[in-house]
Amino acid sequence: MTVKQLSVFCENRPGRLSGITRLLADNDINIRAMSIADTKDFGILRLIVDDFEKALKVLKDNDMAVTSTGVLCIRLADKPGGLADAMECLYKENISVEYMYAAFISETNETAYLVLRVDRLDTAVTALEEGGFKLVSDEELKRF
C-alpha cells in the first residue's frame, strides 16, 4: 500500500514556498506531510496532501515543475524504539531507505507517522506489515 507524493521543484528565493503553500491553501488542499531538501539555488519540496489529483492539477496549471512518486506512510508507536523497530524490519530484508520525514497527522499523542521512500517498495510493504506496522493509504489520509 503506497501513498502518492508530489515533488515540486522550486527556486531557492524569498516567497517561493509562500506562493506554493498559498496556492494549495486557496484551492482547499491540505498538506499532511512535507519535507524540503535544498541547495544554494533550488529545492525539492516533497508533499503528501489530502487530494493528490487536485493538487497535481493546480500545481501543473500554475506552471510548476512537479512529479509524483509512490512512498510508504507508516504508523509508529511514539515511544523510544518505535522507529528502531521499523528500521529493523527493513534491514532484515536488506531494504535501503532513500529518505524519510515525519507527517503532520496524529490520532493520539501515542502515535507517530513516518513517510519513507525505499529502494524495494513491495518488499518493504510486506516486511513492515509482517512486522506489525500499519501502512496508511491515500484514502485514509483524506479522513485525517
Protein backbone atom coordinates (compact mmCIF):
# COMPACT_ATOMS: atom_id res chain seq x y z
CA MET A 1 0.00 0.00 0.00
CA THR A 2 1.60 3.22 -1.14
CA VAL A 3 0.82 6.90 -0.86
CA LYS A 4 1.29 9.36 -3.70
CA GLN A 5 3.88 12.05 -3.01
CA LEU A 6 4.32 15.25 -5.00
CA SER A 7 7.82 16.58 -5.61
CA VAL A 8 7.87 20.24 -6.60
CA PHE A 9 10.99 21.88 -7.99
CA CYS A 10 11.29 25.39 -6.58
CA GLU A 11 13.86 28.11 -6.81
CA ASN A 12 15.59 28.99 -3.56
CA ARG A 13 14.36 32.58 -3.28
CA PRO A 14 12.19 34.56 -0.87
CA GLY A 15 8.47 33.99 -1.28
CA ARG A 16 8.63 30.81 -3.32
CA LEU A 17 7.40 28.49 -0.53
CA SER A 18 4.85 31.09 0.48
CA GLY A 19 3.48 31.10 -3.06
CA ILE A 20 3.26 27.33 -3.33
CA THR A 21 1.61 26.86 0.06
CA ARG A 22 -0.83 29.74 -0.59
CA LEU A 23 -1.75 28.22 -3.96
CA LEU A 24 -2.60 24.93 -2.26
CA ALA A 25 -4.48 26.65 0.57
CA ASP A 26 -6.53 28.77 -1.84
CA ASN A 27 -7.59 25.56 -3.58
CA ASP A 28 -8.62 23.90 -0.30
CA ILE A 29 -5.77 21.38 -0.40
CA ASN A 30 -4.44 20.31 2.99
CA ILE A 31 -0.77 19.39 3.41
CA ARG A 32 -0.49 16.22 5.52
CA ALA A 33 3.33 15.89 5.41
CA MET A 34 6.20 17.79 3.84
CA SER A 35 9.92 17.95 3.51
CA ILE A 36 12.29 20.20 1.63
CA ALA A 37 15.81 19.48 0.51
CA ASP A 38 17.64 22.46 -0.87
CA THR A 39 20.85 23.68 -2.38
CA LYS A 40 22.02 27.24 -2.85
CA ASP A 41 19.86 27.74 -5.95
CA PHE A 42 16.88 25.38 -5.77
CA GLY A 43 14.95 22.97 -3.62
CA ILE A 44 12.72 19.93 -3.95
CA LEU A 45 9.56 20.29 -1.89
CA ARG A 46 8.06 16.87 -1.14
CA LEU A 47 4.39 16.91 -0.21
CA ILE A 48 1.73 14.47 0.89
CA VAL A 49 -1.68 16.11 0.52
CA ASP A 50 -5.28 15.18 1.19
CA ASP A 51 -6.26 15.46 -2.51
CA PHE A 52 -3.38 14.33 -4.71
CA GLU A 53 -5.12 14.65 -8.11
CA LYS A 54 -6.40 18.16 -7.39
CA ALA A 55 -3.00 19.30 -6.09
CA LEU A 56 -1.19 17.87 -9.11
CA LYS A 57 -3.56 19.70 -11.47
CA VAL A 58 -3.34 23.00 -9.56
CA LEU A 59 0.45 22.91 -9.48
CA LYS A 60 0.77 22.00 -13.17
CA ASP A 61 -1.84 24.60 -14.18
CA ASN A 62 0.37 27.17 -12.45
CA ASP A 63 3.48 26.13 -14.40
CA MET A 64 5.18 24.31 -11.53
CA ALA A 65 7.64 21.52 -12.29
CA VAL A 66 6.06 18.64 -10.36
CA THR A 67 6.42 14.86 -10.37
CA SER A 68 4.80 12.07 -8.40
CA THR A 69 6.37 9.17 -6.51
CA GLY A 70 5.00 6.24 -4.56
CA VAL A 71 6.08 6.27 -0.91
CA LEU A 72 5.10 4.47 2.28
CA CYS A 73 3.41 6.13 5.22
CA ILE A 74 3.62 4.03 8.37
CA ARG A 75 2.13 4.38 11.81
CA LEU A 76 4.63 4.01 14.66
CA ALA A 77 4.40 3.82 18.40
CA ASP A 78 5.52 7.23 19.66
CA LYS A 79 7.95 5.84 22.21
CA PRO A 80 11.65 5.03 22.42
CA GLY A 81 12.35 2.26 19.93
CA GLY A 82 9.30 2.83 17.71
CA LEU A 83 11.38 3.97 14.76
CA ALA A 84 14.16 1.47 15.50
CA ASP A 85 11.68 -1.42 15.26
CA ALA A 86 10.51 -0.28 11.80
CA MET A 87 14.07 0.20 10.57
CA GLU A 88 14.96 -3.27 11.81
CA CYS A 89 12.13 -4.80 9.73
CA LEU A 90 13.57 -3.14 6.63
CA TYR A 91 17.17 -4.01 7.50
CA LYS A 92 16.30 -7.71 7.86
CA GLU A 93 15.14 -7.66 4.22
CA ASN A 94 18.16 -5.60 3.07
CA ILE A 95 15.92 -2.68 2.09
CA SER A 96 17.57 0.70 1.74
CA VAL A 97 15.78 3.85 2.92
CA GLU A 98 16.44 6.64 0.42
CA TYR A 99 14.80 9.31 2.59
CA MET A 100 12.16 9.75 5.27
CA TYR A 101 10.30 12.51 7.05
CA ALA A 102 7.60 12.89 9.66
CA ALA A 103 3.95 13.56 8.86
CA PHE A 104 1.59 16.09 10.45
CA ILE A 105 -1.12 13.54 11.18
CA SER A 106 -1.71 12.01 14.58
CA GLU A 107 -4.74 10.36 16.11
CA THR A 108 -3.26 10.40 19.61
CA ASN A 109 -0.09 11.55 21.25
CA GLU A 110 0.96 7.89 21.39
CA THR A 111 1.16 7.59 17.61
CA ALA A 112 3.64 8.98 15.11
CA TYR A 113 3.63 8.77 11.32
CA LEU A 114 6.60 8.49 9.03
CA VAL A 115 6.90 8.83 5.24
CA LEU A 116 9.53 6.57 3.66
CA ARG A 117 11.00 6.25 0.20
CA VAL A 118 12.69 2.87 -0.14
CA ASP A 119 14.51 1.02 -2.90
CA ARG A 120 12.19 -2.04 -2.98
CA LEU A 121 8.67 -0.86 -2.32
CA ASP A 122 6.76 -4.17 -2.50
CA THR A 123 9.27 -6.00 -0.30
CA ALA A 124 9.16 -3.13 2.21
CA VAL A 125 5.36 -3.28 2.38
CA THR A 126 5.47 -7.00 3.14
CA ALA A 127 8.28 -6.64 5.71
CA LEU A 128 6.55 -3.82 7.57
CA GLU A 129 3.12 -5.48 7.57
CA GLU A 130 4.63 -8.76 8.80
CA GLY A 131 6.42 -6.74 11.48
CA GLY A 132 3.04 -5.48 12.71
CA PHE A 133 3.22 -1.95 11.28
CA LYS A 134 0.13 -0.25 9.90
CA LEU A 135 0.55 1.37 6.48
CA VAL A 136 -1.61 4.39 5.75
CA SER A 137 -3.38 4.66 2.38
CA ASP A 138 -4.21 7.70 0.27
CA GLU A 139 -7.88 7.24 1.21
CA GLU A 140 -7.08 7.25 4.92
CA LEU A 141 -5.11 10.48 4.52
CA LYS A 142 -8.26 12.20 3.28
CA ARG A 143 -10.01 11.33 6.56
CA PHE A 144 -7.36 12.72 8.91
